[in-house]
C-alpha cells in the first residue's frame, strides 16, 4: 500500500537536499524523469540522492570515493568491512 503522506515528505526532503546544497554553494544536477536523482561532488567523491522506490518517505544515498591503500585489510576497511 502506498503511503501518500510519506511520499510527500520524501519529495519535500528531496527539495531540501537541493536547498542545503545551494546554501553551501555546492553545484548539483538533477537527472531522471519521474524519480529525480540529485547528483553532486562533495570534493572527495560523487554523491547521488534519490527517493526510495521501496520505502515511501525514505531517501536513498549512494556515495563513492576513491582512496589509495597499501594492504588488503585497508581495502576492506575503506569498503566498510571490518
Protein backbone atom coordinates (compact mmCIF):
# COMPACT_ATOMS: atom_id res chain seq x y z
CA UNK A 1 0.00 0.00 0.00
CA UNK A 2 1.32 3.42 -0.94
CA UNK A 3 1.67 5.93 1.90
CA UNK A 4 0.91 9.20 0.12
CA UNK A 5 1.84 11.36 3.13
CA UNK A 6 5.20 9.62 3.43
CA UNK A 7 5.85 10.15 -0.28
CA UNK A 8 5.05 13.85 0.11
CA UNK A 9 7.53 14.07 2.98
CA UNK A 10 10.13 12.35 0.80
CA UNK A 11 9.50 14.85 -2.01
CA UNK A 12 9.88 17.72 0.45
CA UNK A 13 13.17 16.29 1.69
CA UNK A 14 14.44 16.00 -1.89
CA UNK A 15 13.75 19.71 -2.33
CA UNK A 16 15.51 20.38 0.97
CA UNK A 17 18.60 18.49 -0.26
CA UNK A 18 18.83 20.97 -3.14
CA UNK A 19 18.30 23.95 -0.83
CA UNK A 20 21.02 22.79 1.57
CA UNK A 21 23.46 22.23 -1.30
CA UNK A 22 22.70 25.72 -2.61
CA UNK A 23 23.35 27.20 0.85
CA UNK A 24 26.76 25.55 0.87
CA UNK A 25 27.48 26.67 -2.72
CA UNK A 26 27.77 23.08 -3.92
CA UNK A 27 26.89 22.61 -7.59
CA UNK A 28 24.38 19.85 -8.25
CA UNK A 29 22.47 18.34 -11.15
CA UNK A 30 19.05 16.77 -11.22
CA UNK A 31 18.65 13.81 -13.53
CA UNK A 32 15.90 11.43 -14.37
CA UNK A 33 12.24 11.77 -15.05
CA UNK A 34 9.64 10.60 -12.59
CA UNK A 35 12.19 9.63 -9.94
CA UNK A 36 14.61 12.55 -9.69
CA UNK A 37 18.23 11.92 -8.83
CA UNK A 38 20.28 14.76 -7.36
CA UNK A 39 23.95 14.28 -8.15
CA UNK A 40 26.88 16.29 -6.81
CA UNK A 41 30.58 16.11 -5.99
CA UNK A 42 31.44 16.76 -2.37
CA UNK A 43 35.14 17.25 -3.02
CA UNK A 44 36.18 13.70 -2.18
CA UNK A 45 33.65 11.71 -4.18
CA UNK A 46 30.38 11.56 -6.05
CA UNK A 47 27.02 11.56 -4.28
CA UNK A 48 23.56 10.62 -5.51
CA UNK A 49 20.35 11.20 -3.55
CA UNK A 50 17.00 9.89 -4.76
CA UNK A 51 13.64 8.81 -3.34
CA UNK A 52 13.43 5.16 -2.36
CA UNK A 53 11.18 3.15 -4.63
CA UNK A 54 10.80 0.51 -1.93
CA UNK A 55 10.17 2.55 1.21
CA UNK A 56 7.80 5.52 1.00
CA UNK A 57 9.22 8.67 2.54
CA UNK A 58 12.82 7.44 2.63
CA UNK A 59 15.74 8.78 0.61
CA UNK A 60 18.46 6.58 -0.85
CA UNK A 61 22.00 7.87 -0.79
CA UNK A 62 24.79 6.47 -2.88
CA UNK A 63 28.28 7.77 -2.33
CA UNK A 64 31.51 6.72 -3.99
CA UNK A 65 35.02 7.84 -3.34
CA UNK A 66 38.50 6.93 -4.38
CA UNK A 67 41.08 6.12 -1.75
CA UNK A 68 44.56 4.68 -2.03
CA UNK A 69 45.52 1.93 0.40
CA UNK A 70 48.50 -0.34 0.80
CA UNK A 71 47.01 -3.52 2.25
CA UNK A 72 44.07 -5.83 1.75
CA UNK A 73 42.93 -5.03 5.29
CA UNK A 74 42.87 -1.31 4.47
CA UNK A 75 40.98 -2.02 1.26
CA UNK A 76 38.23 -3.84 3.12
CA UNK A 77 38.09 -1.16 5.83
CA UNK A 78 37.65 1.51 3.12
CA UNK A 79 34.65 -0.52 1.89
CA UNK A 80 33.10 -0.65 5.36
CA UNK A 81 34.07 -4.26 6.01
CA UNK A 82 35.96 -4.61 9.28
